[in-house]
N, C-alpha and C. Protein backbone atom coordinates (compact mmCIF):
# COMPACT_ATOMS: atom_id res chain seq x y z
N MET A 1 -18.42 -43.58 -128.25
CA MET A 1 -18.62 -42.18 -128.55
C MET A 1 -18.86 -42.05 -130.04
N ASP A 2 -19.86 -41.29 -130.43
CA ASP A 2 -20.15 -41.05 -131.83
C ASP A 2 -19.21 -39.98 -132.35
N LEU A 3 -18.69 -40.19 -133.57
CA LEU A 3 -17.86 -39.17 -134.19
C LEU A 3 -18.73 -38.23 -134.99
N VAL A 4 -18.44 -36.98 -134.93
CA VAL A 4 -19.18 -35.96 -135.65
C VAL A 4 -18.24 -35.32 -136.64
N LEU A 5 -18.63 -35.29 -137.91
CA LEU A 5 -17.79 -34.65 -138.92
C LEU A 5 -18.20 -33.19 -138.99
N ASP A 6 -17.29 -32.31 -138.60
CA ASP A 6 -17.56 -30.89 -138.55
C ASP A 6 -16.60 -30.19 -139.49
N GLN A 7 -17.07 -29.83 -140.68
CA GLN A 7 -16.26 -29.20 -141.71
C GLN A 7 -15.00 -30.00 -141.98
N GLY A 8 -15.14 -31.32 -142.07
CA GLY A 8 -14.01 -32.16 -142.42
C GLY A 8 -13.14 -32.58 -141.26
N VAL A 9 -13.53 -32.22 -140.03
CA VAL A 9 -12.73 -32.59 -138.87
C VAL A 9 -13.57 -33.51 -137.99
N ALA A 10 -13.08 -34.71 -137.73
CA ALA A 10 -13.78 -35.61 -136.83
C ALA A 10 -13.59 -35.09 -135.42
N THR A 11 -14.70 -34.75 -134.76
CA THR A 11 -14.60 -34.06 -133.48
C THR A 11 -14.96 -34.93 -132.30
N GLY A 12 -15.51 -36.10 -132.53
CA GLY A 12 -15.90 -36.95 -131.41
C GLY A 12 -16.98 -36.31 -130.56
N GLY A 13 -17.75 -35.39 -131.15
CA GLY A 13 -18.83 -34.74 -130.43
C GLY A 13 -18.36 -33.62 -129.51
N LEU A 14 -17.09 -33.26 -129.58
CA LEU A 14 -16.53 -32.21 -128.73
C LEU A 14 -16.55 -30.88 -129.45
N ASP A 15 -16.58 -29.81 -128.69
CA ASP A 15 -16.45 -28.49 -129.30
C ASP A 15 -15.04 -28.35 -129.83
N VAL A 16 -14.92 -27.78 -131.02
CA VAL A 16 -13.62 -27.65 -131.66
C VAL A 16 -13.36 -26.18 -131.94
N CYS A 17 -12.14 -25.76 -131.65
CA CYS A 17 -11.81 -24.35 -131.89
C CYS A 17 -11.80 -24.06 -133.39
N ASP A 18 -11.94 -22.78 -133.75
CA ASP A 18 -12.01 -22.38 -135.15
C ASP A 18 -10.78 -22.80 -135.94
N SER A 19 -9.59 -22.81 -135.32
CA SER A 19 -8.38 -23.17 -136.06
C SER A 19 -8.44 -24.63 -136.51
N MET A 20 -9.08 -25.50 -135.73
CA MET A 20 -9.21 -26.90 -136.16
C MET A 20 -10.29 -27.05 -137.22
N LYS A 21 -11.35 -26.26 -137.15
CA LYS A 21 -12.42 -26.36 -138.13
C LYS A 21 -11.94 -25.96 -139.51
N ASN A 22 -10.93 -25.10 -139.60
CA ASN A 22 -10.44 -24.62 -140.88
C ASN A 22 -9.34 -25.48 -141.46
N ARG A 23 -9.00 -26.57 -140.80
CA ARG A 23 -7.96 -27.45 -141.31
C ARG A 23 -8.43 -28.17 -142.56
N ILE A 24 -7.47 -28.56 -143.38
CA ILE A 24 -7.74 -29.30 -144.61
C ILE A 24 -8.10 -30.74 -144.24
N PRO A 25 -9.16 -31.29 -144.84
CA PRO A 25 -9.51 -32.68 -144.54
C PRO A 25 -8.39 -33.63 -144.93
N VAL A 26 -8.19 -34.64 -144.13
CA VAL A 26 -7.17 -35.64 -144.36
C VAL A 26 -7.83 -37.01 -144.33
N VAL A 27 -7.49 -37.86 -145.27
CA VAL A 27 -7.99 -39.24 -145.28
C VAL A 27 -6.81 -40.15 -145.02
N LEU A 28 -6.92 -40.95 -143.97
CA LEU A 28 -5.86 -41.87 -143.59
C LEU A 28 -6.40 -43.29 -143.62
N LEU A 29 -5.71 -44.17 -144.31
CA LEU A 29 -6.06 -45.57 -144.37
C LEU A 29 -5.01 -46.32 -143.57
N ALA A 30 -5.43 -47.01 -142.53
CA ALA A 30 -4.49 -47.68 -141.64
C ALA A 30 -4.47 -49.18 -141.90
N CYS A 31 -3.33 -49.78 -141.66
CA CYS A 31 -3.22 -51.23 -141.75
C CYS A 31 -2.50 -51.73 -140.51
N GLY A 32 -2.74 -52.95 -140.19
CA GLY A 32 -2.17 -53.57 -139.00
C GLY A 32 -3.19 -54.53 -138.44
N SER A 33 -2.82 -55.27 -137.44
CA SER A 33 -3.76 -56.27 -136.91
C SER A 33 -4.83 -55.64 -136.04
N PHE A 34 -4.49 -54.59 -135.30
CA PHE A 34 -5.45 -53.95 -134.39
C PHE A 34 -6.21 -55.01 -133.60
N ASN A 35 -5.50 -55.99 -133.09
CA ASN A 35 -6.10 -57.17 -132.47
C ASN A 35 -5.59 -57.37 -131.05
N PRO A 36 -6.24 -56.73 -130.07
CA PRO A 36 -7.39 -55.82 -130.15
C PRO A 36 -6.92 -54.39 -130.38
N ILE A 37 -7.83 -53.54 -130.76
CA ILE A 37 -7.49 -52.14 -130.98
C ILE A 37 -7.20 -51.48 -129.63
N THR A 38 -6.12 -50.74 -129.56
CA THR A 38 -5.73 -50.07 -128.33
C THR A 38 -5.88 -48.56 -128.49
N ASN A 39 -5.80 -47.85 -127.38
CA ASN A 39 -5.83 -46.39 -127.46
C ASN A 39 -4.65 -45.86 -128.27
N MET A 40 -3.52 -46.56 -128.23
CA MET A 40 -2.37 -46.11 -129.01
C MET A 40 -2.61 -46.32 -130.51
N HIS A 41 -3.40 -47.34 -130.90
CA HIS A 41 -3.78 -47.47 -132.30
C HIS A 41 -4.59 -46.25 -132.72
N LEU A 42 -5.54 -45.88 -131.87
CA LEU A 42 -6.37 -44.71 -132.17
C LEU A 42 -5.52 -43.45 -132.20
N ARG A 43 -4.52 -43.41 -131.33
CA ARG A 43 -3.62 -42.25 -131.25
C ARG A 43 -2.83 -42.06 -132.54
N LEU A 44 -2.57 -43.16 -133.27
CA LEU A 44 -1.86 -43.05 -134.56
C LEU A 44 -2.54 -42.03 -135.46
N PHE A 45 -3.87 -42.06 -135.49
CA PHE A 45 -4.62 -41.16 -136.36
C PHE A 45 -4.42 -39.70 -135.95
N GLU A 46 -4.42 -39.45 -134.65
CA GLU A 46 -4.25 -38.09 -134.16
C GLU A 46 -2.86 -37.56 -134.50
N VAL A 47 -1.84 -38.38 -134.26
CA VAL A 47 -0.46 -37.95 -134.53
C VAL A 47 -0.27 -37.71 -136.03
N ALA A 48 -0.76 -38.62 -136.85
CA ALA A 48 -0.62 -38.47 -138.30
C ALA A 48 -1.37 -37.25 -138.81
N ARG A 49 -2.59 -37.06 -138.33
CA ARG A 49 -3.37 -35.90 -138.77
C ARG A 49 -2.66 -34.60 -138.41
N ASP A 50 -2.18 -34.51 -137.17
CA ASP A 50 -1.47 -33.29 -136.75
C ASP A 50 -0.23 -33.07 -137.61
N HIS A 51 0.51 -34.13 -137.89
CA HIS A 51 1.71 -34.01 -138.72
C HIS A 51 1.35 -33.51 -140.11
N LEU A 52 0.31 -34.09 -140.72
CA LEU A 52 -0.08 -33.68 -142.07
C LEU A 52 -0.60 -32.25 -142.10
N HIS A 53 -1.32 -31.84 -141.07
CA HIS A 53 -1.81 -30.46 -141.04
C HIS A 53 -0.66 -29.48 -140.90
N GLN A 54 0.37 -29.86 -140.18
CA GLN A 54 1.54 -28.98 -140.02
C GLN A 54 2.31 -28.87 -141.33
N THR A 55 2.24 -29.90 -142.17
CA THR A 55 2.96 -29.87 -143.44
C THR A 55 2.04 -29.54 -144.61
N ALA A 56 0.75 -29.29 -144.33
CA ALA A 56 -0.25 -28.88 -145.33
C ALA A 56 -0.34 -29.85 -146.50
N LEU A 57 -0.52 -31.12 -146.20
CA LEU A 57 -0.63 -32.13 -147.25
C LEU A 57 -2.00 -32.81 -147.19
N PRO A 58 -3.00 -32.25 -147.86
CA PRO A 58 -4.34 -32.84 -147.81
C PRO A 58 -4.50 -33.96 -148.84
N GLU A 59 -4.08 -35.14 -148.50
CA GLU A 59 -4.13 -36.24 -149.45
C GLU A 59 -4.53 -37.53 -148.74
N LEU A 60 -4.76 -38.54 -149.55
CA LEU A 60 -4.98 -39.89 -149.02
C LEU A 60 -3.61 -40.51 -148.76
N LYS A 61 -3.41 -41.01 -147.56
CA LYS A 61 -2.13 -41.62 -147.19
C LYS A 61 -2.40 -42.92 -146.46
N LEU A 62 -1.47 -43.86 -146.59
CA LEU A 62 -1.50 -45.06 -145.77
C LEU A 62 -0.89 -44.70 -144.44
N LEU A 63 -1.57 -45.04 -143.37
CA LEU A 63 -1.08 -44.78 -142.02
C LEU A 63 -0.60 -46.09 -141.43
N CYS A 64 0.61 -46.07 -140.88
CA CYS A 64 1.11 -47.29 -140.25
C CYS A 64 2.07 -46.95 -139.13
N GLY A 65 2.25 -47.90 -138.26
CA GLY A 65 3.29 -47.80 -137.26
C GLY A 65 4.59 -48.29 -137.87
N ALA A 66 5.70 -47.96 -137.22
CA ALA A 66 7.01 -48.37 -137.74
C ALA A 66 7.12 -49.89 -137.82
N ASP A 67 6.38 -50.61 -136.97
CA ASP A 67 6.42 -52.07 -137.03
C ASP A 67 5.86 -52.58 -138.35
N VAL A 68 4.85 -51.89 -138.90
CA VAL A 68 4.30 -52.29 -140.20
C VAL A 68 5.28 -51.91 -141.31
N LEU A 69 5.90 -50.75 -141.21
CA LEU A 69 6.90 -50.34 -142.22
C LEU A 69 8.01 -51.39 -142.29
N LYS A 70 8.41 -51.92 -141.16
CA LYS A 70 9.45 -52.96 -141.12
C LYS A 70 9.02 -54.20 -141.90
N THR A 71 7.71 -54.50 -141.92
CA THR A 71 7.24 -55.70 -142.62
C THR A 71 7.43 -55.59 -144.13
N PHE A 72 7.67 -54.40 -144.65
CA PHE A 72 7.95 -54.26 -146.08
C PHE A 72 9.21 -55.04 -146.46
N HIS A 73 10.04 -55.36 -145.47
CA HIS A 73 11.26 -56.12 -145.70
C HIS A 73 11.05 -57.63 -145.52
N THR A 74 9.89 -58.04 -145.05
CA THR A 74 9.63 -59.46 -144.81
C THR A 74 9.42 -60.17 -146.13
N PRO A 75 10.26 -61.17 -146.44
CA PRO A 75 10.13 -61.87 -147.72
C PRO A 75 8.74 -62.48 -147.90
N ASN A 76 8.21 -62.31 -149.10
CA ASN A 76 6.92 -62.89 -149.53
C ASN A 76 5.70 -62.36 -148.78
N LEU A 77 5.85 -61.29 -148.01
CA LEU A 77 4.70 -60.70 -147.34
C LEU A 77 4.07 -59.61 -148.21
N TRP A 78 4.89 -58.75 -148.77
CA TRP A 78 4.44 -57.68 -149.66
C TRP A 78 5.09 -57.89 -151.03
N LYS A 79 4.35 -57.62 -152.08
CA LYS A 79 4.94 -57.60 -153.42
C LYS A 79 5.60 -56.25 -153.61
N ASP A 80 6.78 -56.24 -154.24
CA ASP A 80 7.46 -54.97 -154.50
C ASP A 80 6.57 -54.01 -155.28
N SER A 81 5.79 -54.54 -156.22
CA SER A 81 4.91 -53.67 -157.02
C SER A 81 3.85 -53.01 -156.14
N HIS A 82 3.37 -53.72 -155.11
CA HIS A 82 2.38 -53.14 -154.20
C HIS A 82 3.01 -52.05 -153.33
N ILE A 83 4.20 -52.33 -152.82
CA ILE A 83 4.90 -51.31 -152.01
C ILE A 83 5.12 -50.06 -152.85
N GLN A 84 5.59 -50.24 -154.08
CA GLN A 84 5.85 -49.09 -154.94
C GLN A 84 4.58 -48.31 -155.22
N GLU A 85 3.49 -49.02 -155.49
CA GLU A 85 2.22 -48.33 -155.77
C GLU A 85 1.77 -47.51 -154.56
N ILE A 86 1.90 -48.07 -153.38
CA ILE A 86 1.49 -47.36 -152.17
C ILE A 86 2.31 -46.08 -152.00
N VAL A 87 3.63 -46.22 -152.02
CA VAL A 87 4.46 -45.05 -151.71
C VAL A 87 4.54 -44.07 -152.86
N GLU A 88 4.43 -44.54 -154.10
CA GLU A 88 4.51 -43.64 -155.24
C GLU A 88 3.21 -42.88 -155.48
N LYS A 89 2.09 -43.60 -155.48
CA LYS A 89 0.81 -42.98 -155.81
C LYS A 89 0.17 -42.26 -154.63
N PHE A 90 0.33 -42.82 -153.43
CA PHE A 90 -0.38 -42.28 -152.28
C PHE A 90 0.55 -41.74 -151.20
N GLY A 91 1.62 -42.44 -150.96
CA GLY A 91 2.51 -42.08 -149.87
C GLY A 91 2.01 -42.68 -148.57
N LEU A 92 2.82 -42.50 -147.54
CA LEU A 92 2.40 -43.02 -146.26
C LEU A 92 2.89 -42.12 -145.13
N VAL A 93 2.20 -42.26 -144.03
CA VAL A 93 2.59 -41.60 -142.79
C VAL A 93 2.93 -42.72 -141.82
N CYS A 94 4.14 -42.68 -141.32
CA CYS A 94 4.61 -43.71 -140.41
C CYS A 94 4.86 -43.08 -139.04
N VAL A 95 4.18 -43.62 -138.03
CA VAL A 95 4.37 -43.14 -136.66
C VAL A 95 5.35 -44.09 -135.98
N ASN A 96 6.39 -43.51 -135.40
CA ASN A 96 7.44 -44.31 -134.79
C ASN A 96 6.92 -45.07 -133.58
N ARG A 97 7.54 -46.21 -133.33
CA ARG A 97 7.26 -47.03 -132.15
C ARG A 97 8.58 -47.32 -131.47
N SER A 98 8.51 -47.51 -130.19
CA SER A 98 9.69 -47.85 -129.42
C SER A 98 10.34 -49.11 -129.98
N GLY A 99 11.66 -49.08 -130.11
CA GLY A 99 12.38 -50.24 -130.60
C GLY A 99 12.46 -50.36 -132.10
N HIS A 100 11.98 -49.37 -132.82
CA HIS A 100 12.00 -49.40 -134.29
C HIS A 100 12.78 -48.21 -134.83
N ASP A 101 13.31 -48.37 -136.03
CA ASP A 101 14.09 -47.33 -136.68
C ASP A 101 13.56 -47.13 -138.11
N PRO A 102 12.47 -46.37 -138.26
CA PRO A 102 11.87 -46.22 -139.58
C PRO A 102 12.81 -45.59 -140.62
N LYS A 103 13.69 -44.71 -140.19
CA LYS A 103 14.65 -44.13 -141.15
C LYS A 103 15.53 -45.22 -141.74
N ARG A 104 15.95 -46.15 -140.91
CA ARG A 104 16.78 -47.28 -141.37
C ARG A 104 15.98 -48.16 -142.31
N TYR A 105 14.71 -48.42 -142.00
CA TYR A 105 13.88 -49.25 -142.86
C TYR A 105 13.76 -48.63 -144.26
N ILE A 106 13.66 -47.32 -144.31
CA ILE A 106 13.57 -46.62 -145.59
C ILE A 106 14.88 -46.73 -146.34
N LEU A 107 15.99 -46.47 -145.66
CA LEU A 107 17.30 -46.52 -146.32
C LEU A 107 17.68 -47.93 -146.77
N ASP A 108 17.16 -48.94 -146.11
CA ASP A 108 17.48 -50.32 -146.45
C ASP A 108 16.64 -50.88 -147.60
N SER A 109 15.71 -50.09 -148.10
CA SER A 109 14.83 -50.55 -149.18
C SER A 109 14.98 -49.63 -150.39
N PRO A 110 15.41 -50.17 -151.52
CA PRO A 110 15.54 -49.32 -152.71
C PRO A 110 14.23 -48.62 -153.10
N ILE A 111 13.10 -49.32 -152.95
CA ILE A 111 11.82 -48.71 -153.32
C ILE A 111 11.47 -47.59 -152.35
N LEU A 112 11.56 -47.86 -151.05
CA LEU A 112 11.24 -46.82 -150.07
C LEU A 112 12.20 -45.65 -150.19
N GLN A 113 13.45 -45.95 -150.46
CA GLN A 113 14.45 -44.88 -150.60
C GLN A 113 14.12 -44.01 -151.82
N GLN A 114 13.71 -44.64 -152.92
CA GLN A 114 13.38 -43.89 -154.13
C GLN A 114 12.21 -42.92 -153.91
N PHE A 115 11.25 -43.34 -153.10
CA PHE A 115 10.05 -42.52 -152.89
C PHE A 115 9.97 -41.95 -151.47
N GLN A 116 11.13 -41.80 -150.84
CA GLN A 116 11.13 -41.31 -149.46
C GLN A 116 10.54 -39.92 -149.33
N HIS A 117 10.51 -39.15 -150.42
CA HIS A 117 9.87 -37.83 -150.38
C HIS A 117 8.37 -37.94 -150.11
N ASN A 118 7.82 -39.12 -150.33
CA ASN A 118 6.39 -39.36 -150.15
C ASN A 118 6.10 -40.16 -148.88
N ILE A 119 7.12 -40.31 -148.03
CA ILE A 119 6.98 -41.01 -146.76
C ILE A 119 7.18 -40.00 -145.64
N HIS A 120 6.19 -39.84 -144.82
CA HIS A 120 6.24 -38.85 -143.74
C HIS A 120 6.40 -39.58 -142.42
N LEU A 121 7.47 -39.24 -141.72
CA LEU A 121 7.72 -39.86 -140.41
C LEU A 121 7.19 -38.91 -139.35
N ALA A 122 6.19 -39.37 -138.63
CA ALA A 122 5.58 -38.56 -137.57
C ALA A 122 6.06 -39.08 -136.23
N ARG A 123 6.44 -38.19 -135.38
CA ARG A 123 6.94 -38.58 -134.06
C ARG A 123 5.81 -38.44 -133.05
N GLU A 124 5.58 -39.50 -132.31
CA GLU A 124 4.59 -39.49 -131.24
C GLU A 124 5.27 -38.91 -130.00
N PRO A 125 4.76 -37.81 -129.48
CA PRO A 125 5.39 -37.22 -128.30
C PRO A 125 5.22 -38.06 -127.04
N VAL A 126 4.25 -38.98 -127.05
CA VAL A 126 4.04 -39.88 -125.92
C VAL A 126 4.66 -41.22 -126.28
N LEU A 127 5.58 -41.70 -125.47
CA LEU A 127 6.24 -42.97 -125.75
C LEU A 127 5.21 -44.08 -125.90
N ASN A 128 5.23 -44.77 -127.02
CA ASN A 128 4.25 -45.80 -127.35
C ASN A 128 4.81 -47.18 -127.04
N GLU A 129 4.55 -47.66 -125.86
CA GLU A 129 4.99 -48.99 -125.46
C GLU A 129 3.84 -49.99 -125.51
N ILE A 130 2.64 -49.53 -125.82
CA ILE A 130 1.47 -50.41 -125.84
C ILE A 130 1.43 -51.14 -127.17
N SER A 131 1.28 -52.44 -127.12
CA SER A 131 1.12 -53.22 -128.34
C SER A 131 -0.05 -54.17 -128.14
N ALA A 132 -0.67 -54.55 -129.25
CA ALA A 132 -1.77 -55.52 -129.17
C ALA A 132 -1.26 -56.84 -128.60
N THR A 133 -0.01 -57.19 -128.91
CA THR A 133 0.57 -58.42 -128.36
C THR A 133 0.60 -58.36 -126.84
N TYR A 134 1.06 -57.23 -126.30
CA TYR A 134 1.10 -57.06 -124.84
C TYR A 134 -0.31 -57.17 -124.26
N VAL A 135 -1.28 -56.51 -124.90
CA VAL A 135 -2.66 -56.52 -124.39
C VAL A 135 -3.22 -57.93 -124.39
N ARG A 136 -3.00 -58.68 -125.47
CA ARG A 136 -3.49 -60.07 -125.51
C ARG A 136 -2.87 -60.90 -124.39
N LYS A 137 -1.58 -60.71 -124.17
CA LYS A 137 -0.89 -61.46 -123.11
C LYS A 137 -1.46 -61.09 -121.74
N ALA A 138 -1.63 -59.79 -121.50
CA ALA A 138 -2.18 -59.35 -120.21
C ALA A 138 -3.57 -59.93 -119.99
N LEU A 139 -4.41 -59.89 -121.02
CA LEU A 139 -5.76 -60.45 -120.89
C LEU A 139 -5.72 -61.95 -120.62
N SER A 140 -4.83 -62.66 -121.30
CA SER A 140 -4.76 -64.11 -121.11
C SER A 140 -4.30 -64.47 -119.70
N GLN A 141 -3.62 -63.52 -119.05
CA GLN A 141 -3.15 -63.74 -117.68
C GLN A 141 -4.08 -63.12 -116.64
N GLY A 142 -5.22 -62.62 -117.10
CA GLY A 142 -6.22 -62.07 -116.19
C GLY A 142 -5.87 -60.69 -115.65
N GLN A 143 -4.95 -59.99 -116.30
CA GLN A 143 -4.56 -58.65 -115.85
C GLN A 143 -5.48 -57.59 -116.44
N SER A 144 -5.56 -56.47 -115.77
CA SER A 144 -6.39 -55.36 -116.23
C SER A 144 -5.75 -54.66 -117.44
N VAL A 145 -6.60 -54.27 -118.38
CA VAL A 145 -6.15 -53.48 -119.51
C VAL A 145 -6.92 -52.15 -119.58
N LYS A 146 -7.53 -51.80 -118.46
CA LYS A 146 -8.28 -50.55 -118.39
C LYS A 146 -7.34 -49.39 -118.71
N TYR A 147 -7.81 -48.45 -119.47
CA TYR A 147 -7.09 -47.27 -119.95
C TYR A 147 -6.11 -47.59 -121.08
N LEU A 148 -5.93 -48.86 -121.40
CA LEU A 148 -5.12 -49.21 -122.57
C LEU A 148 -6.01 -49.37 -123.80
N LEU A 149 -7.27 -49.77 -123.56
CA LEU A 149 -8.23 -50.00 -124.62
C LEU A 149 -9.45 -49.13 -124.38
N PRO A 150 -10.16 -48.76 -125.45
CA PRO A 150 -11.44 -48.10 -125.25
C PRO A 150 -12.38 -49.01 -124.46
N GLU A 151 -13.20 -48.44 -123.62
CA GLU A 151 -14.10 -49.22 -122.76
C GLU A 151 -14.99 -50.15 -123.58
N ALA A 152 -15.44 -49.68 -124.74
CA ALA A 152 -16.30 -50.52 -125.59
C ALA A 152 -15.55 -51.77 -126.07
N VAL A 153 -14.27 -51.65 -126.32
CA VAL A 153 -13.47 -52.80 -126.76
C VAL A 153 -13.30 -53.78 -125.61
N ILE A 154 -13.05 -53.27 -124.41
CA ILE A 154 -12.92 -54.14 -123.24
C ILE A 154 -14.23 -54.91 -123.02
N THR A 155 -15.34 -54.21 -123.13
CA THR A 155 -16.65 -54.85 -122.95
C THR A 155 -16.86 -55.95 -123.99
N TYR A 156 -16.53 -55.66 -125.24
CA TYR A 156 -16.69 -56.65 -126.31
C TYR A 156 -15.82 -57.88 -126.04
N ILE A 157 -14.57 -57.66 -125.68
CA ILE A 157 -13.66 -58.77 -125.39
C ILE A 157 -14.20 -59.63 -124.26
N ARG A 158 -14.66 -58.98 -123.20
CA ARG A 158 -15.22 -59.70 -122.06
C ARG A 158 -16.48 -60.47 -122.46
N ASP A 159 -17.39 -59.81 -123.19
CA ASP A 159 -18.65 -60.45 -123.58
C ASP A 159 -18.42 -61.63 -124.52
N GLN A 160 -17.40 -61.55 -125.35
CA GLN A 160 -17.12 -62.61 -126.32
C GLN A 160 -16.16 -63.67 -125.77
N GLY A 161 -15.60 -63.42 -124.59
CA GLY A 161 -14.68 -64.38 -124.00
C GLY A 161 -13.37 -64.51 -124.76
N LEU A 162 -12.91 -63.41 -125.35
CA LEU A 162 -11.68 -63.44 -126.15
C LEU A 162 -10.43 -63.38 -125.27
N TYR A 163 -9.38 -64.04 -125.73
CA TYR A 163 -8.04 -63.99 -125.13
C TYR A 163 -7.97 -64.60 -123.73
N ILE A 164 -8.96 -65.36 -123.34
CA ILE A 164 -8.95 -65.99 -122.02
C ILE A 164 -8.22 -67.32 -122.13
N ASN A 165 -7.31 -67.57 -121.20
CA ASN A 165 -6.52 -68.81 -121.19
C ASN A 165 -5.80 -69.03 -122.50
N ASP A 166 -5.35 -67.96 -123.12
CA ASP A 166 -4.63 -68.04 -124.39
C ASP A 166 -3.16 -67.78 -124.10
N SER A 167 -2.41 -68.80 -123.74
CA SER A 167 -1.03 -68.62 -123.33
C SER A 167 -0.13 -68.18 -124.47
N SER A 168 -0.56 -68.35 -125.72
CA SER A 168 0.28 -67.94 -126.85
C SER A 168 0.30 -66.43 -127.01
N GLY A 169 -0.74 -65.73 -126.50
CA GLY A 169 -0.81 -64.29 -126.68
C GLY A 169 -1.30 -63.89 -128.06
N LYS A 170 -1.67 -64.87 -128.90
CA LYS A 170 -2.08 -64.55 -130.26
C LYS A 170 -3.57 -64.25 -130.35
N GLY A 171 -4.38 -64.79 -129.45
CA GLY A 171 -5.79 -64.44 -129.39
C GLY A 171 -6.56 -64.63 -130.67
N LYS A 172 -6.59 -65.81 -131.22
CA LYS A 172 -7.23 -66.04 -132.51
C LYS A 172 -8.74 -66.18 -132.39
N GLY A 173 -9.28 -65.95 -131.25
CA GLY A 173 -10.72 -66.03 -131.09
C GLY A 173 -11.05 -66.58 -129.73
N LYS A 174 -12.25 -67.10 -129.61
CA LYS A 174 -12.65 -67.67 -128.32
C LYS A 174 -11.74 -68.84 -127.99
N THR A 175 -11.26 -68.83 -126.76
CA THR A 175 -10.36 -69.90 -126.36
C THR A 175 -10.85 -70.61 -125.12
N GLY A 176 -11.90 -70.17 -124.51
CA GLY A 176 -12.32 -70.80 -123.28
C GLY A 176 -13.74 -70.82 -123.19
């Protein structure tokens, strides 16, 4: 589906009511493996955008799931100076995931705690149990992932032979 930018709102080619057209543009930069990208990855953008529009914060923010926020505690993965620059200069929007406690991750980090005013926790009203790890495992076992991934992603995976006979679930490329 082609995205259409209509007065700063990505509409996906759909008609949009006037209240959405008048919203403040939001720029979200996401990080994560997105390997493969799932509908819940795409949903992160919708949840974060809605949260930011409700709080009237038209800024550039890093968008992440709570699983990525947790990685800020992983030794030697992130430099403290990089974490501070992200949360101090830009801030972030963190969408919760099942099995994660983003409030705890913030309280357990002096840097995140110092700049917690610039960290927005958005709650996904739909329980997010879909993970790229689960999708890779399902594909490697020949199970259907229809409705978990956009159809174009499923087609690409099938055409490229990705995640087939990949018992590790890591899906580093063509395996068969």
